[in-house]
Amino acid sequence: MNARSGNPSDANKGAASEDKLDQILAKLRKLDQLDVLEEKIDRIAKDLKDDVSRVEDKVDALATRVVSLERQVRKRNLLWFGVEEQQDP
């Protein structure tokens, strides 16, 4: 007999199959949510890498500027005290 004819065994199988299907659908929804979260994380990681790159560029530019200013100050001090300038190593 089948589930339509009222066999309890078939009804239990149908309920078990339906439960498994519900579990599978729940897992698929979780996977979809995880995909969305992964995309957000990837976007945030890219933004952070871009920010770090910009900050590194600014640090490099400022370091170059500091070296230039130090040279200018050293030249002025050397002229003031009459000491000859030595080359940087």
C-alpha atoms as a PDB file:
ATOM      1  CA  MET A   1       0.000   0.000   0.000  1.00  0.00           C
ATOM      2  CA  ASN A   2       1.124   3.547  -0.542  1.00  0.00           C
ATOM      3  CA  ALA A   3       0.724   6.802   1.386  1.00  0.00           C
ATOM      4  CA  ARG A   4      -2.544   7.524  -0.391  1.00  0.00           C
ATOM      5  CA  SER A   5      -4.105   4.315   0.764  1.00  0.00           C
ATOM      6  CA  GLY A   6      -3.257   5.102   4.362  1.00  0.00           C
ATOM      7  CA  ASN A   7      -0.237   2.905   5.035  1.00  0.00           C
ATOM      8  CA  PRO A   8       1.482   4.431   8.118  1.00  0.00           C
ATOM      9  CA  SER A   9       4.893   3.251   6.946  1.00  0.00           C
ATOM     10  CA  ASP A  10       4.590   5.225   3.711  1.00  0.00           C
ATOM     11  CA  ALA A  11       3.307   8.255   5.619  1.00  0.00           C
ATOM     12  CA  ASN A  12       6.349   8.134   7.885  1.00  0.00           C
ATOM     13  CA  LYS A  13       8.641   7.884   4.877  1.00  0.00           C
ATOM     14  CA  GLY A  14       6.929  10.874   3.325  1.00  0.00           C
ATOM     15  CA  ALA A  15       7.283  12.887   6.533  1.00  0.00           C
ATOM     16  CA  ALA A  16      10.934  11.889   6.837  1.00  0.00           C
ATOM     17  CA  SER A  17      11.566  12.899   3.241  1.00  0.00           C
ATOM     18  CA  GLU A  18       9.830  16.198   3.843  1.00  0.00           C
ATOM     19  CA  ASP A  19      11.938  16.789   6.964  1.00  0.00           C
ATOM     20  CA  LYS A  20      15.107  16.053   5.017  1.00  0.00           C
ATOM     21  CA  LEU A  21      13.976  18.394   2.269  1.00  0.00           C
ATOM     22  CA  ASP A  22      13.350  21.130   4.846  1.00  0.00           C
ATOM     23  CA  GLN A  23      16.814  20.554   6.298  1.00  0.00           C
ATOM     24  CA  ILE A  24      18.380  20.768   2.856  1.00  0.00           C
ATOM     25  CA  LEU A  25      16.490  23.976   2.082  1.00  0.00           C
ATOM     26  CA  ALA A  26      17.577  25.480   5.410  1.00  0.00           C
ATOM     27  CA  LYS A  27      21.199  24.613   4.627  1.00  0.00           C
ATOM     28  CA  LEU A  28      20.873  26.166   1.166  1.00  0.00           C
ATOM     29  CA  ARG A  29      19.522  29.372   2.706  1.00  0.00           C
ATOM     30  CA  LYS A  30      22.493  29.398   5.096  1.00  0.00           C
ATOM     31  CA  LEU A  31      24.856  28.920   2.163  1.00  0.00           C
ATOM     32  CA  ASP A  32      23.238  31.852   0.371  1.00  0.00           C
ATOM     33  CA  GLN A  33      23.701  33.978   3.480  1.00  0.00           C
ATOM     34  CA  LEU A  34      27.322  32.865   3.713  1.00  0.00           C
ATOM     35  CA  ASP A  35      27.864  33.809   0.063  1.00  0.00           C
ATOM     36  CA  VAL A  36      26.501  37.288   0.748  1.00  0.00           C
ATOM     37  CA  LEU A  37      28.723  37.624   3.817  1.00  0.00           C
ATOM     38  CA  GLU A  38      31.744  36.426   1.865  1.00  0.00           C
ATOM     39  CA  GLU A  39      31.102  39.052  -0.808  1.00  0.00           C
ATOM     40  CA  LYS A  40      30.843  41.755   1.860  1.00  0.00           C
ATOM     41  CA  ILE A  41      34.072  40.575   3.491  1.00  0.00           C
ATOM     42  CA  ASP A  42      35.840  40.544   0.125  1.00  0.00           C
ATOM     43  CA  ARG A  43      34.637  44.085  -0.559  1.00  0.00           C
ATOM     44  CA  ILE A  44      35.774  45.279   2.878  1.00  0.00           C
ATOM     45  CA  ALA A  45      39.156  43.560   2.455  1.00  0.00           C
ATOM     46  CA  LYS A  46      39.644  45.270  -0.918  1.00  0.00           C
ATOM     47  CA  ASP A  47      38.701  48.645   0.573  1.00  0.00           C
ATOM     48  CA  LEU A  48      41.147  48.098   3.434  1.00  0.00           C
ATOM     49  CA  LYS A  49      43.934  47.154   1.034  1.00  0.00           C
ATOM     50  CA  ASP A  50      43.233  50.305  -0.973  1.00  0.00           C
ATOM     51  CA  ASP A  51      43.291  52.393   2.212  1.00  0.00           C
ATOM     52  CA  VAL A  52      46.568  50.814   3.337  1.00  0.00           C
ATOM     53  CA  SER A  53      48.074  51.477  -0.077  1.00  0.00           C
ATOM     54  CA  ARG A  54      47.035  55.145   0.077  1.00  0.00           C
ATOM     55  CA  VAL A  55      48.439  55.503   3.597  1.00  0.00           C
ATOM     56  CA  GLU A  56      51.715  53.865   2.545  1.00  0.00           C
ATOM     57  CA  ASP A  57      51.973  56.280  -0.387  1.00  0.00           C
ATOM     58  CA  LYS A  58      51.401  59.225   1.959  1.00  0.00           C
ATOM     59  CA  VAL A  59      54.000  57.895   4.403  1.00  0.00           C
ATOM     60  CA  ASP A  60      56.531  57.537   1.586  1.00  0.00           C
ATOM     61  CA  ALA A  61      55.812  61.069   0.368  1.00  0.00           C
ATOM     62  CA  LEU A  62      56.126  62.475   3.887  1.00  0.00           C
ATOM     63  CA  ALA A  63      59.369  60.569   4.500  1.00  0.00           C
ATOM     64  CA  THR A  64      60.806  62.034   1.301  1.00  0.00           C
ATOM     65  CA  ARG A  65      59.686  65.478   2.409  1.00  0.00           C
ATOM     66  CA  VAL A  66      61.294  65.035   5.845  1.00  0.00           C
ATOM     67  CA  VAL A  67      64.602  64.045   4.248  1.00  0.00           C
ATOM     68  CA  SER A  68      64.431  67.089   1.977  1.00  0.00           C
ATOM     69  CA  LEU A  69      63.657  69.427   4.872  1.00  0.00           C
ATOM     70  CA  GLU A  70      66.472  67.933   6.952  1.00  0.00           C
ATOM     71  CA  ARG A  71      68.900  68.582   4.106  1.00  0.00           C
ATOM     72  CA  GLN A  72      67.718  72.191   3.808  1.00  0.00           C
ATOM     73  CA  VAL A  73      68.092  72.767   7.549  1.00  0.00           C
ATOM     74  CA  ARG A  74      71.538  71.159   7.536  1.00  0.00           C
ATOM     75  CA  LYS A  75      72.642  73.391   4.643  1.00  0.00           C
ATOM     76  CA  ARG A  76      71.437  76.488   6.433  1.00  0.00           C
ATOM     77  CA  ASN A  77      73.184  75.456   9.643  1.00  0.00           C
ATOM     78  CA  LEU A  78      76.406  74.715   7.789  1.00  0.00           C
ATOM     79  CA  LEU A  79      76.325  78.098   6.110  1.00  0.00           C
ATOM     80  CA  TRP A  80      75.639  79.795   9.401  1.00  0.00           C
ATOM     81  CA  PHE A  81      78.526  78.151  11.200  1.00  0.00           C
ATOM     82  CA  GLY A  82      80.862  78.020   8.194  1.00  0.00           C
ATOM     83  CA  VAL A  83      81.274  74.238   8.233  1.00  0.00           C
ATOM     84  CA  GLU A  84      81.619  72.386   4.964  1.00  0.00           C
ATOM     85  CA  GLU A  85      78.856  69.969   4.107  1.00  0.00           C
ATOM     86  CA  GLN A  86      79.552  66.231   3.974  1.00  0.00           C
ATOM     87  CA  GLN A  87      77.777  63.869   1.631  1.00  0.00           C
ATOM     88  CA  ASP A  88      75.109  61.583   3.056  1.00  0.00           C
ATOM     89  CA  PRO A  89      76.198  57.948   3.224  1.00  0.00           C
END
